[in-house]
Amino acid sequence: MHHTVVRSRQRGLSFVSLIFIILFIVAAFAIGGQSVPIFLEYSAAQKAATKATHEGTTVSEVRAAFDRAAAVDNISSIKGQDLDITKDGDKIVASFKYSREIPLAGPAYLVYRFQAQTK
């Protein structure tokens, strides 16, 4: 008599794998939770710069219009004085650059660099 042992193969995650997956998800949510407001502020800054170039006719008027919009939209990364304002034909063009950092752990940071130009 010959008996064969049929072994069923286990499927699924080990406990260690589950811990790593949970840590990855928590880290992604933590970084994402800090990143979303940064991107919303960048979007608001783009809109404020575009609105300012349509409202103002001089450099000081464009900067003042941007600062008013920044106060309403809670934009703190850049100010009107940070705008680079030029003329393209009869159109006023504003551009800006800035960066924001998210501390990760110890000396590690996640850096976002933004730049935009009105059309």
PDB file of N, CA and C in Angstrom:
ATOM      1  N   MET A   1       0.814  -1.166   0.000  1.00  0.00           N
ATOM      2  CA  MET A   1       0.000   0.000   0.000  1.00  0.00           C
ATOM      3  C   MET A   1       0.872   1.249   0.000  1.00  0.00           C
ATOM      4  N   HIS A   2       0.558   2.099  -0.890  1.00  0.00           N
ATOM      5  CA  HIS A   2       1.350   3.312  -1.044  1.00  0.00           C
ATOM      6  C   HIS A   2       0.450   4.522  -0.838  1.00  0.00           C
ATOM      7  N   HIS A   3       0.750   5.271   0.167  1.00  0.00           N
ATOM      8  CA  HIS A   3      -0.046   6.471   0.443  1.00  0.00           C
ATOM      9  C   HIS A   3       0.716   7.704  -0.031  1.00  0.00           C
ATOM     10  N   THR A   4       0.031   8.528  -0.714  1.00  0.00           N
ATOM     11  CA  THR A   4       0.633   9.806  -1.098  1.00  0.00           C
ATOM     12  C   THR A   4       0.027  10.911  -0.233  1.00  0.00           C
ATOM     13  N   VAL A   5       0.883  11.740   0.205  1.00  0.00           N
ATOM     14  CA  VAL A   5       0.436  12.850   1.041  1.00  0.00           C
ATOM     15  C   VAL A   5       0.218  14.049   0.125  1.00  0.00           C
ATOM     16  N   VAL A   6      -0.961  14.551   0.156  1.00  0.00           N
ATOM     17  CA  VAL A   6      -1.284  15.726  -0.639  1.00  0.00           C
ATOM     18  C   VAL A   6      -1.151  16.950   0.264  1.00  0.00           C
ATOM     19  N   ARG A   7      -0.251  17.781  -0.104  1.00  0.00           N
ATOM     20  CA  ARG A   7      -0.058  19.005   0.675  1.00  0.00           C
ATOM     21  C   ARG A   7      -0.743  20.155  -0.039  1.00  0.00           C
ATOM     22  N   SER A   8      -1.504  20.857   0.717  1.00  0.00           N
ATOM     23  CA  SER A   8      -2.120  22.046   0.127  1.00  0.00           C
ATOM     24  C   SER A   8      -1.162  23.211   0.322  1.00  0.00           C
ATOM     25  N   ARG A   9      -1.090  24.001  -0.667  1.00  0.00           N
ATOM     26  CA  ARG A   9      -0.175  25.133  -0.636  1.00  0.00           C
ATOM     27  C   ARG A   9      -0.861  26.302   0.060  1.00  0.00           C
ATOM     28  N   GLN A  10      -0.168  26.901   0.990  1.00  0.00           N
ATOM     29  CA  GLN A  10      -0.745  28.039   1.687  1.00  0.00           C
ATOM     30  C   GLN A  10      -0.667  29.270   0.805  1.00  0.00           C
ATOM     31  N   ARG A  11      -1.688  30.050   0.906  1.00  0.00           N
ATOM     32  CA  ARG A  11      -1.719  31.295   0.153  1.00  0.00           C
ATOM     33  C   ARG A  11      -2.034  32.417   1.104  1.00  0.00           C
ATOM     34  N   GLY A  12      -1.588  33.616   0.734  1.00  0.00           N
ATOM     35  CA  GLY A  12      -1.878  34.770   1.568  1.00  0.00           C
ATOM     36  C   GLY A  12      -0.613  35.471   2.002  1.00  0.00           C
ATOM     37  N   LEU A  13      -0.784  36.397   2.904  1.00  0.00           N
ATOM     38  CA  LEU A  13       0.329  37.198   3.382  1.00  0.00           C
ATOM     39  C   LEU A  13       0.829  36.679   4.721  1.00  0.00           C
ATOM     40  N   SER A  14       2.107  36.796   4.898  1.00  0.00           N
ATOM     41  CA  SER A  14       2.648  36.492   6.222  1.00  0.00           C
ATOM     42  C   SER A  14       2.436  37.718   7.103  1.00  0.00           C
ATOM     43  N   PHE A  15       2.626  37.559   8.382  1.00  0.00           N
ATOM     44  CA  PHE A  15       2.447  38.669   9.320  1.00  0.00           C
ATOM     45  C   PHE A  15       3.437  39.795   9.016  1.00  0.00           C
ATOM     46  N   VAL A  16       4.671  39.452   8.706  1.00  0.00           N
ATOM     47  CA  VAL A  16       5.692  40.456   8.405  1.00  0.00           C
ATOM     48  C   VAL A  16       5.316  41.229   7.135  1.00  0.00           C
ATOM     49  N   SER A  17       4.835  40.528   6.133  1.00  0.00           N
ATOM     50  CA  SER A  17       4.406  41.196   4.902  1.00  0.00           C
ATOM     51  C   SER A  17       3.256  42.143   5.178  1.00  0.00           C
ATOM     52  N   LEU A  18       2.334  41.731   6.003  1.00  0.00           N
ATOM     53  CA  LEU A  18       1.193  42.567   6.356  1.00  0.00           C
ATOM     54  C   LEU A  18       1.650  43.838   7.072  1.00  0.00           C
ATOM     55  N   ILE A  19       2.612  43.707   7.978  1.00  0.00           N
ATOM     56  CA  ILE A  19       3.148  44.875   8.688  1.00  0.00           C
ATOM     57  C   ILE A  19       3.793  45.845   7.705  1.00  0.00           C
ATOM     58  N   PHE A  20       4.593  45.338   6.765  1.00  0.00           N
ATOM     59  CA  PHE A  20       5.222  46.206   5.770  1.00  0.00           C
ATOM     60  C   PHE A  20       4.185  46.913   4.906  1.00  0.00           C
ATOM     61  N   ILE A  21       3.161  46.232   4.519  1.00  0.00           N
ATOM     62  CA  ILE A  21       2.111  46.842   3.698  1.00  0.00           C
ATOM     63  C   ILE A  21       1.391  47.927   4.492  1.00  0.00           C
ATOM     64  N   ILE A  22       1.099  47.660   5.738  1.00  0.00           N
ATOM     65  CA  ILE A  22       0.426  48.659   6.581  1.00  0.00           C
ATOM     66  C   ILE A  22       1.316  49.886   6.776  1.00  0.00           C
ATOM     67  N   LEU A  23       2.609  49.664   7.016  1.00  0.00           N
ATOM     68  CA  LEU A  23       3.538  50.790   7.171  1.00  0.00           C
ATOM     69  C   LEU A  23       3.619  51.625   5.899  1.00  0.00           C
ATOM     70  N   PHE A  24       3.631  50.963   4.754  1.00  0.00           N
ATOM     71  CA  PHE A  24       3.669  51.676   3.482  1.00  0.00           C
ATOM     72  C   PHE A  24       2.407  52.517   3.296  1.00  0.00           C
ATOM     73  N   ILE A  25       1.264  51.960   3.598  1.00  0.00           N
ATOM     74  CA  ILE A  25      -0.005  52.687   3.456  1.00  0.00           C
ATOM     75  C   ILE A  25      -0.051  53.883   4.401  1.00  0.00           C
ATOM     76  N   VAL A  26       0.382  53.691   5.643  1.00  0.00           N
ATOM     77  CA  VAL A  26       0.392  54.793   6.616  1.00  0.00           C
ATOM     78  C   VAL A  26       1.335  55.905   6.152  1.00  0.00           C
ATOM     79  N   ALA A  27       2.510  55.546   5.656  1.00  0.00           N
ATOM     80  CA  ALA A  27       3.465  56.541   5.163  1.00  0.00           C
ATOM     81  C   ALA A  27       2.898  57.292   3.963  1.00  0.00           C
ATOM     82  N   ALA A  28       2.247  56.568   3.058  1.00  0.00           N
ATOM     83  CA  ALA A  28       1.658  57.217   1.885  1.00  0.00           C
ATOM     84  C   ALA A  28       0.566  58.207   2.298  1.00  0.00           C
ATOM     85  N   PHE A  29      -0.263  57.832   3.255  1.00  0.00           N
ATOM     86  CA  PHE A  29      -1.309  58.747   3.725  1.00  0.00           C
ATOM     87  C   PHE A  29      -0.706  59.944   4.455  1.00  0.00           C
ATOM     88  N   ALA A  30       0.344  59.730   5.229  1.00  0.00           N
ATOM     89  CA  ALA A  30       0.972  60.830   5.959  1.00  0.00           C
ATOM     90  C   ALA A  30       1.590  61.844   4.996  1.00  0.00           C
ATOM     91  N   ILE A  31       2.307  61.354   3.997  1.00  0.00           N
ATOM     92  CA  ILE A  31       2.922  62.246   3.017  1.00  0.00           C
ATOM     93  C   ILE A  31       1.842  62.891   2.153  1.00  0.00           C
ATOM     94  N   GLY A  32       0.863  62.115   1.735  1.00  0.00           N
ATOM     95  CA  GLY A  32      -0.232  62.659   0.927  1.00  0.00           C
ATOM     96  C   GLY A  32      -1.024  63.706   1.678  1.00  0.00           C
ATOM     97  N   GLY A  33      -1.251  63.469   2.960  1.00  0.00           N
ATOM     98  CA  GLY A  33      -1.994  64.431   3.757  1.00  0.00           C
ATOM     99  C   GLY A  33      -1.277  65.765   3.884  1.00  0.00           C
ATOM    100  N   GLN A  34       0.031  65.747   3.871  1.00  0.00           N
ATOM    101  CA  GLN A  34       0.799  66.988   3.910  1.00  0.00           C
ATOM    102  C   GLN A  34       0.990  67.591   2.529  1.00  0.00           C
ATOM    103  N   SER A  35       0.925  66.781   1.490  1.00  0.00           N
ATOM    104  CA  SER A  35       1.153  67.262   0.126  1.00  0.00           C
ATOM    105  C   SER A  35      -0.065  67.939  -0.480  1.00  0.00           C
ATOM    106  N   VAL A  36      -1.239  67.463  -0.162  1.00  0.00           N
ATOM    107  CA  VAL A  36      -2.457  68.014  -0.767  1.00  0.00           C
ATOM    108  C   VAL A  36      -2.586  69.517  -0.523  1.00  0.00           C
ATOM    109  N   PRO A  37      -2.422  70.016   0.710  1.00  0.00           N
ATOM    110  CA  PRO A  37      -2.525  71.470   0.902  1.00  0.00           C
ATOM    111  C   PRO A  37      -1.468  72.262   0.133  1.00  0.00           C
ATOM    112  N   ILE A  38      -0.293  71.671  -0.044  1.00  0.00           N
ATOM    113  CA  ILE A  38       0.765  72.351  -0.802  1.00  0.00           C
ATOM    114  C   ILE A  38       0.352  72.515  -2.255  1.00  0.00           C
ATOM    115  N   PHE A  39      -0.232  71.465  -2.847  1.00  0.00           N
ATOM    116  CA  PHE A  39      -0.679  71.559  -4.233  1.00  0.00           C
ATOM    117  C   PHE A  39      -1.884  72.482  -4.375  1.00  0.00           C
ATOM    118  N   LEU A  40      -2.764  72.498  -3.385  1.00  0.00           N
ATOM    119  CA  LEU A  40      -3.908  73.418  -3.418  1.00  0.00           C
ATOM    120  C   LEU A  40      -3.430  74.868  -3.349  1.00  0.00           C
ATOM    121  N   GLU A  41      -2.407  75.125  -2.540  1.00  0.00           N
ATOM    122  CA  GLU A  41      -1.857  76.477  -2.459  1.00  0.00           C
ATOM    123  C   GLU A  41      -1.210  76.888  -3.781  1.00  0.00           C
ATOM    124  N   TYR A  42      -0.508  75.969  -4.424  1.00  0.00           N
ATOM    125  CA  TYR A  42       0.102  76.253  -5.726  1.00  0.00           C
ATOM    126  C   TYR A  42      -0.969  76.599  -6.755  1.00  0.00           C
ATOM    127  N   SER A  43      -2.041  75.843  -6.764  1.00  0.00           N
ATOM    128  CA  SER A  43      -3.138  76.119  -7.685  1.00  0.00           C
ATOM    129  C   SER A  43      -3.754  77.489  -7.406  1.00  0.00           C
ATOM    130  N   ALA A  44      -3.928  77.815  -6.137  1.00  0.00           N
ATOM    131  CA  ALA A  44      -4.470  79.121  -5.765  1.00  0.00           C
ATOM    132  C   ALA A  44      -3.521  80.244  -6.173  1.00  0.00           C
ATOM    133  N   ALA A  45      -2.211  80.012  -6.048  1.00  0.00           N
ATOM    134  CA  ALA A  45      -1.223  81.022  -6.443  1.00  0.00           C
ATOM    135  C   ALA A  45      -1.264  81.265  -7.948  1.00  0.00           C
ATOM    136  N   GLN A  46      -1.433  80.206  -8.732  1.00  0.00           N
ATOM    137  CA  GLN A  46      -1.560  80.365 -10.182  1.00  0.00           C
ATOM    138  C   GLN A  46      -2.780  81.215 -10.528  1.00  0.00           C
ATOM    139  N   LYS A  47      -3.909  80.902  -9.907  1.00  0.00           N
ATOM    140  CA  LYS A  47      -5.141  81.654 -10.166  1.00  0.00           C
ATOM    141  C   LYS A  47      -4.998  83.102  -9.722  1.00  0.00           C
ATOM    142  N   ALA A  48      -4.374  83.322  -8.573  1.00  0.00           N
ATOM    143  CA  ALA A  48      -4.192  84.685  -8.073  1.00  0.00           C
ATOM    144  C   ALA A  48      -3.282  85.495  -8.991  1.00  0.00           C
ATOM    145  N   ALA A  49      -2.238  84.873  -9.515  1.00  0.00           N
ATOM    146  CA  ALA A  49      -1.329  85.568 -10.424  1.00  0.00           C
ATOM    147  C   ALA A  49      -2.047  85.927 -11.723  1.00  0.00           C
ATOM    148  N   THR A  50      -2.835  84.993 -12.234  1.00  0.00           N
ATOM    149  CA  THR A  50      -3.593  85.274 -13.463  1.00  0.00           C
ATOM    150  C   THR A  50      -4.587  86.403 -13.238  1.00  0.00           C
ATOM    151  N   LYS A  51      -5.301  86.347 -12.128  1.00  0.00           N
ATOM    152  CA  LYS A  51      -6.277  87.401 -11.807  1.00  0.00           C
ATOM    153  C   LYS A  51      -5.577  88.745 -11.633  1.00  0.00           C
ATOM    154  N   ALA A  52      -4.429  88.749 -10.986  1.00  0.00           N
ATOM    155  CA  ALA A  52      -3.690  89.995 -10.752  1.00  0.00           C
ATOM    156  C   ALA A  52      -3.220  90.625 -12.057  1.00  0.00           C
ATOM    157  N   THR A  53      -2.799  89.804 -13.019  1.00  0.00           N
ATOM    158  CA  THR A  53      -2.342  90.372 -14.298  1.00  0.00           C
ATOM    159  C   THR A  53      -3.504  90.961 -15.094  1.00  0.00           C
ATOM    160  N   HIS A  54      -4.707  90.462 -14.873  1.00  0.00           N
ATOM    161  CA  HIS A  54      -5.869  91.029 -15.558  1.00  0.00           C
ATOM    162  C   HIS A  54      -6.376  92.297 -14.868  1.00  0.00           C
ATOM    163  N   GLU A  55      -6.162  92.398 -13.559  1.00  0.00           N
ATOM    164  CA  GLU A  55      -6.647  93.550 -12.806  1.00  0.00           C
ATOM    165  C   GLU A  55      -5.691  94.731 -12.854  1.00  0.00           C
ATOM    166  N   GLY A  56      -4.402  94.469 -12.813  1.00  0.00           N
ATOM    167  CA  GLY A  56      -3.420  95.549 -12.719  1.00  0.00           C
ATOM    168  C   GLY A  56      -2.861  95.963 -14.064  1.00  0.00           C
ATOM    169  N   THR A  57      -2.432  97.229 -14.136  1.00  0.00           N
ATOM    170  CA  THR A  57      -1.800  97.726 -15.364  1.00  0.00           C
ATOM    171  C   THR A  57      -0.339  98.096 -15.131  1.00  0.00           C
ATOM    172  N   THR A  58       0.055  98.214 -13.863  1.00  0.00           N
ATOM    173  CA  THR A  58       1.449  98.502 -13.538  1.00  0.00           C
ATOM    174  C   THR A  58       1.977  97.379 -12.643  1.00  0.00           C
ATOM    175  N   VAL A  59       3.283  97.360 -12.465  1.00  0.00           N
ATOM    176  CA  VAL A  59       3.914  96.331 -11.636  1.00  0.00           C
ATOM    177  C   VAL A  59       3.369  96.395 -10.209  1.00  0.00           C
ATOM    178  N   SER A  60       3.294  97.593  -9.645  1.00  0.00           N
ATOM    179  CA  SER A  60       2.817  97.726  -8.262  1.00  0.00           C
ATOM    180  C   SER A  60       1.344  97.332  -8.141  1.00  0.00           C
ATOM    181  N   GLU A  61       0.517  97.615  -9.135  1.00  0.00           N
ATOM    182  CA  GLU A  61      -0.891  97.218  -9.102  1.00  0.00           C
ATOM    183  C   GLU A  61      -1.047  95.700  -9.175  1.00  0.00           C
ATOM    184  N   VAL A  62      -0.240  95.066 -10.009  1.00  0.00           N
ATOM    185  CA  VAL A  62      -0.299  93.600 -10.129  1.00  0.00           C
ATOM    186  C   VAL A  62       0.125  92.958  -8.812  1.00  0.00           C
ATOM    187  N   ARG A  63       1.192  93.463  -8.215  1.00  0.00           N
ATOM    188  CA  ARG A  63       1.656  92.911  -6.941  1.00  0.00           C
ATOM    189  C   ARG A  63       0.620  93.120  -5.835  1.00  0.00           C
ATOM    190  N   ALA A  64       0.005  94.297  -5.801  1.00  0.00           N
ATOM    191  CA  ALA A  64      -1.022  94.573  -4.792  1.00  0.00           C
ATOM    192  C   ALA A  64      -2.238  93.676  -4.996  1.00  0.00           C
ATOM    193  N   ALA A  65      -2.634  93.469  -6.253  1.00  0.00           N
ATOM    194  CA  ALA A  65      -3.779  92.591  -6.548  1.00  0.00           C
ATOM    195  C   ALA A  65      -3.463  91.153  -6.140  1.00  0.00           C
ATOM    196  N   PHE A  66      -2.241  90.725  -6.374  1.00  0.00           N
ATOM    197  CA  PHE A  66      -1.844  89.373  -5.958  1.00  0.00           C
ATOM    198  C   PHE A  66      -1.890  89.248  -4.443  1.00  0.00           C
ATOM    199  N   ASP A  67      -1.365  90.253  -3.737  1.00  0.00           N
ATOM    200  CA  ASP A  67      -1.365  90.201  -2.274  1.00  0.00           C
ATOM    201  C   ASP A  67      -2.785  90.168  -1.702  1.00  0.00           C
ATOM    202  N   ARG A  68      -3.705  90.890  -2.329  1.00  0.00           N
ATOM    203  CA  ARG A  68      -5.106  90.837  -1.876  1.00  0.00           C
ATOM    204  C   ARG A  68      -5.681  89.438  -2.067  1.00  0.00           C
ATOM    205  N   ALA A  69      -5.436  88.848  -3.236  1.00  0.00           N
ATOM    206  CA  ALA A  69      -5.931  87.491  -3.503  1.00  0.00           C
ATOM    207  C   ALA A  69      -5.248  86.474  -2.588  1.00  0.00           C
ATOM    208  N   ALA A  70      -3.970  86.686  -2.306  1.00  0.00           N
ATOM    209  CA  ALA A  70      -3.233  85.769  -1.429  1.00  0.00           C
ATOM    210  C   ALA A  70      -3.789  85.814  -0.009  1.00  0.00           C
ATOM    211  N   ALA A  71      -4.216  86.977   0.437  1.00  0.00           N
ATOM    212  CA  ALA A  71      -4.801  87.096   1.776  1.00  0.00           C
ATOM    213  C   ALA A  71      -6.126  86.347   1.856  1.00  0.00           C
ATOM    214  N   VAL A  72      -6.910  86.422   0.789  1.00  0.00           N
ATOM    215  CA  VAL A  72      -8.209  85.740   0.766  1.00  0.00           C
ATOM    216  C   VAL A  72      -8.028  84.228   0.667  1.00  0.00           C
ATOM    217  N   ASP A  73      -7.112  83.785  -0.187  1.00  0.00           N
ATOM    218  CA  ASP A  73      -6.918  82.356  -0.442  1.00  0.00           C
ATOM    219  C   ASP A  73      -5.891  81.704   0.482  1.00  0.00           C
ATOM    220  N   ASN A  74      -5.372  82.461   1.447  1.00  0.00           N
ATOM    221  CA  ASN A  74      -4.417  81.930   2.424  1.00  0.00           C
ATOM    222  C   ASN A  74      -3.147  81.388   1.753  1.00  0.00           C
ATOM    223  N   ILE A  75      -2.587  82.162   0.852  1.00  0.00           N
ATOM    224  CA  ILE A  75      -1.333  81.808   0.175  1.00  0.00           C
ATOM    225  C   ILE A  75      -0.196  82.410   0.980  1.00  0.00           C
ATOM    226  N   SER A  76       0.660  81.562   1.543  1.00  0.00           N
ATOM    227  CA  SER A  76       1.744  82.063   2.382  1.00  0.00           C
ATOM    228  C   SER A  76       3.132  81.777   1.813  1.00  0.00           C
ATOM    229  N   SER A  77       3.221  80.975   0.766  1.00  0.00           N
ATOM    230  CA  SER A  77       4.534  80.598   0.226  1.00  0.00           C
ATOM    231  C   SER A  77       5.183  81.696  -0.593  1.00  0.00           C
ATOM    232  N   ILE A  78       4.377  82.525  -1.230  1.00  0.00           N
ATOM    233  CA  ILE A  78       4.926  83.622  -2.020  1.00  0.00           C
ATOM    234  C   ILE A  78       4.103  84.879  -1.770  1.00  0.00           C
ATOM    235  N   LYS A  79       4.719  85.997  -2.031  1.00  0.00           N
ATOM    236  CA  LYS A  79       4.086  87.308  -1.886  1.00  0.00           C
ATOM    237  C   LYS A  79       4.123  88.013  -3.235  1.00  0.00           C
ATOM    238  N   GLY A  80       3.441  89.121  -3.319  1.00  0.00           N
ATOM    239  CA  GLY A  80       3.435  89.902  -4.551  1.00  0.00           C
ATOM    240  C   GLY A  80       4.822  90.343  -4.971  1.00  0.00           C
ATOM    241  N   GLN A  81       5.687  90.625  -3.998  1.00  0.00           N
ATOM    242  CA  GLN A  81       7.046  91.058  -4.321  1.00  0.00           C
ATOM    243  C   GLN A  81       7.880  89.939  -4.934  1.00  0.00           C
ATOM    244  N   ASP A  82       7.450  88.687  -4.796  1.00  0.00           N
ATOM    245  CA  ASP A  82       8.169  87.546  -5.370  1.00  0.00           C
ATOM    246  C   ASP A  82       7.831  87.314  -6.845  1.00  0.00           C
ATOM    247  N   LEU A  83       6.811  87.992  -7.335  1.00  0.00           N
ATOM    248  CA  LEU A  83       6.411  87.815  -8.735  1.00  0.00           C
ATOM    249  C   LEU A  83       7.414  88.502  -9.655  1.00  0.00           C
ATOM    250  N   ASP A  84       7.737  87.838 -10.753  1.00  0.00           N
ATOM    251  CA  ASP A  84       8.549  88.432 -11.813  1.00  0.00           C
ATOM    252  C   ASP A  84       7.563  88.905 -12.873  1.00  0.00           C
ATOM    253  N   ILE A  85       7.412  90.214 -13.000  1.00  0.00           N
ATOM    254  CA  ILE A  85       6.378  90.769 -13.872  1.00  0.00           C
ATOM    255  C   ILE A  85       7.039  91.401 -15.086  1.00  0.00           C
ATOM    256  N   THR A  86       6.586  90.965 -16.284  1.00  0.00           N
ATOM    257  CA  THR A  86       7.101  91.487 -17.546  1.00  0.00           C
ATOM    258  C   THR A  86       5.931  91.799 -18.468  1.00  0.00           C
ATOM    259  N   LYS A  87       6.273  92.370 -19.613  1.00  0.00           N
ATOM    260  CA  LYS A  87       5.257  92.628 -20.632  1.00  0.00           C
ATOM    261  C   LYS A  87       5.588  91.813 -21.866  1.00  0.00           C
ATOM    262  N   ASP A  88       4.552  91.225 -22.447  1.00  0.00           N
ATOM    263  CA  ASP A  88       4.687  90.493 -23.703  1.00  0.00           C
ATOM    264  C   ASP A  88       3.731  91.149 -24.687  1.00  0.00           C
ATOM    265  N   GLY A  89       4.271  92.085 -25.458  1.00  0.00           N
ATOM    266  CA  GLY A  89       3.404  92.877 -26.331  1.00  0.00           C
ATOM    267  C   GLY A  89       2.583  93.824 -25.472  1.00  0.00           C
ATOM    268  N   ASP A  90       1.266  93.694 -25.545  1.00  0.00           N
ATOM    269  CA  ASP A  90       0.395  94.539 -24.733  1.00  0.00           C
ATOM    270  C   ASP A  90      -0.113  93.798 -23.491  1.00  0.00           C
ATOM    271  N   LYS A  91       0.400  92.605 -23.261  1.00  0.00           N
ATOM    272  CA  LYS A  91      -0.062  91.759 -22.171  1.00  0.00           C
ATOM    273  C   LYS A  91       0.935  91.738 -21.018  1.00  0.00           C
ATOM    274  N   ILE A  92       0.421  91.788 -19.791  1.00  0.00           N
ATOM    275  CA  ILE A  92       1.275  91.664 -18.610  1.00  0.00           C
ATOM    276  C   ILE A  92       1.398  90.181 -18.264  1.00  0.00           C
ATOM    277  N   VAL A  93       2.639  89.747 -18.019  1.00  0.00           N
ATOM    278  CA  VAL A  93       2.910  88.349 -17.694  1.00  0.00           C
ATOM    279  C   VAL A  93       3.590  88.302 -16.322  1.00  0.00           C
ATOM    280  N   ALA A  94       3.056  87.473 -15.451  1.00  0.00           N
ATOM    281  CA  ALA A  94       3.653  87.277 -14.131  1.00  0.00           C
ATOM    282  C   ALA A  94       4.135  85.835 -14.020  1.00  0.00           C
ATOM    283  N   SER A  95       5.302  85.658 -13.443  1.00  0.00           N
ATOM    284  CA  SER A  95       5.820  84.309 -13.218  1.00  0.00           C
ATOM    285  C   SER A  95       6.401  84.250 -11.812  1.00  0.00           C
ATOM    286  N   PHE A  96       6.492  83.035 -11.301  1.00  0.00           N
ATOM    287  CA  PHE A  96       7.048  82.845  -9.968  1.00  0.00           C
ATOM    288  C   PHE A  96       7.648  81.462  -9.849  1.00  0.00           C
ATOM    289  N   LYS A  97       8.569  81.338  -8.882  1.00  0.00           N
ATOM    290  CA  LYS A  97       9.196  80.070  -8.522  1.00  0.00           C
ATOM    291  C   LYS A  97       9.292  80.027  -7.007  1.00  0.00           C
ATOM    292  N   TYR A  98       9.049  78.856  -6.453  1.00  0.00           N
ATOM    293  CA  TYR A  98       9.272  78.653  -5.030  1.00  0.00           C
ATOM    294  C   TYR A  98       9.327  77.166  -4.744  1.00  0.00           C
ATOM    295  N   SER A  99       9.774  76.835  -3.550  1.00  0.00           N
ATOM    296  CA  SER A  99       9.830  75.429  -3.156  1.00  0.00           C
ATOM    297  C   SER A  99       9.246  75.277  -1.759  1.00  0.00           C
ATOM    298  N   ARG A 100       8.744  74.097  -1.498  1.00  0.00           N
ATOM    299  CA  ARG A 100       8.201  73.741  -0.175  1.00  0.00           C
ATOM    300  C   ARG A 100       8.788  72.400   0.232  1.00  0.00           C
ATOM    301  N   GLU A 101       9.038  72.242   1.507  1.00  0.00           N
ATOM    302  CA  GLU A 101       9.634  71.014   2.035  1.00  0.00           C
ATOM    303  C   GLU A 101       8.694  70.342   3.024  1.00  0.00           C
ATOM    304  N   ILE A 102       8.697  69.022   2.998  1.00  0.00           N
ATOM    305  CA  ILE A 102       7.986  68.224   3.986  1.00  0.00           C
ATOM    306  C   ILE A 102       9.039  67.388   4.705  1.00  0.00           C
ATOM    307  N   PRO A 103       9.201  67.581   6.029  1.00  0.00           N
ATOM    308  CA  PRO A 103      10.172  66.751   6.746  1.00  0.00           C
ATOM    309  C   PRO A 103       9.689  65.305   6.815  1.00  0.00           C
ATOM    310  N   LEU A 104      10.567  64.386   6.487  1.00  0.00           N
ATOM    311  CA  LEU A 104      10.207  62.964   6.525  1.00  0.00           C
ATOM    312  C   LEU A 104      10.710  62.317   7.804  1.00  0.00           C
ATOM    313  N   ALA A 105      12.008  62.133   7.909  1.00  0.00           N
ATOM    314  CA  ALA A 105      12.594  61.535   9.114  1.00  0.00           C
ATOM    315  C   ALA A 105      14.038  61.991   9.212  1.00  0.00           C
ATOM    316  N   GLY A 106      14.415  62.501  10.369  1.00  0.00           N
ATOM    317  CA  GLY A 106      15.790  62.956  10.553  1.00  0.00           C
ATOM    318  C   GLY A 106      16.141  64.030   9.550  1.00  0.00           C
ATOM    319  N   PRO A 107      17.220  63.841   8.795  1.00  0.00           N
ATOM    320  CA  PRO A 107      17.635  64.865   7.836  1.00  0.00           C
ATOM    321  C   PRO A 107      16.949  64.737   6.470  1.00  0.00           C
ATOM    322  N   ALA A 108      16.014  63.820   6.323  1.00  0.00           N
ATOM    323  CA  ALA A 108      15.377  63.581   5.025  1.00  0.00           C
ATOM    324  C   ALA A 108      14.156  64.487   4.851  1.00  0.00           C
ATOM    325  N   TYR A 109      14.068  65.118   3.689  1.00  0.00           N
ATOM    326  CA  TYR A 109      12.953  65.981   3.343  1.00  0.00           C
ATOM    327  C   TYR A 109      12.435  65.623   1.964  1.00  0.00           C
ATOM    328  N   LEU A 110      11.153  65.837   1.769  1.00  0.00           N
ATOM    329  CA  LEU A 110      10.558  65.744   0.440  1.00  0.00           C
ATOM    330  C   LEU A 110      10.389  67.179  -0.030  1.00  0.00           C
ATOM    331  N   VAL A 111      11.010  67.535  -1.158  1.00  0.00           N
ATOM    332  CA  VAL A 111      11.008  68.914  -1.637  1.00  0.00           C
ATOM    333  C   VAL A 111      10.168  69.005  -2.906  1.00  0.00           C
ATOM    334  N   TYR A 112       9.234  69.954  -2.886  1.00  0.00           N
ATOM    335  CA  TYR A 112       8.439  70.272  -4.077  1.00  0.00           C
ATOM    336  C   TYR A 112       8.936  71.604  -4.609  1.00  0.00           C
ATOM    337  N   ARG A 113       9.219  71.657  -5.895  1.00  0.00           N
ATOM    338  CA  ARG A 113       9.627  72.904  -6.543  1.00  0.00           C
ATOM    339  C   ARG A 113       8.551  73.286  -7.547  1.00  0.00           C
ATOM    340  N   PHE A 114       8.023  74.494  -7.364  1.00  0.00           N
ATOM    341  CA  PHE A 114       6.950  74.963  -8.212  1.00  0.00           C
ATOM    342  C   PHE A 114       7.397  76.165  -9.015  1.00  0.00           C
ATOM    343  N   GLN A 115       6.879  76.263 -10.223  1.00  0.00           N
ATOM    344  CA  GLN A 115       7.062  77.468 -11.023  1.00  0.00           C
ATOM    345  C   GLN A 115       5.880  77.572 -11.970  1.00  0.00           C
ATOM    346  N   ALA A 116       5.484  78.797 -12.218  1.00  0.00           N
ATOM    347  CA  ALA A 116       4.335  79.027 -13.101  1.00  0.00           C
ATOM    348  C   ALA A 116       4.494  80.382 -13.787  1.00  0.00           C
ATOM    349  N   GLN A 117       3.777  80.505 -14.881  1.00  0.00           N
ATOM    350  CA  GLN A 117       3.760  81.762 -15.641  1.00  0.00           C
ATOM    351  C   GLN A 117       2.350  81.972 -16.166  1.00  0.00           C
ATOM    352  N   THR A 118       1.861  83.183 -16.049  1.00  0.00           N
ATOM    353  CA  THR A 118       0.514  83.454 -16.548  1.00  0.00           C
ATOM    354  C   THR A 118       0.543  83.529 -18.066  1.00  0.00           C
ATOM    355  N   LYS A 119      -0.601  83.308 -18.643  1.00  0.00           N
ATOM    356  CA  LYS A 119      -0.687  83.316 -20.107  1.00  0.00           C
ATOM    357  C   LYS A 119      -1.444  84.504 -20.601  1.00  0.00           C
TER     358      LYS A 119
END
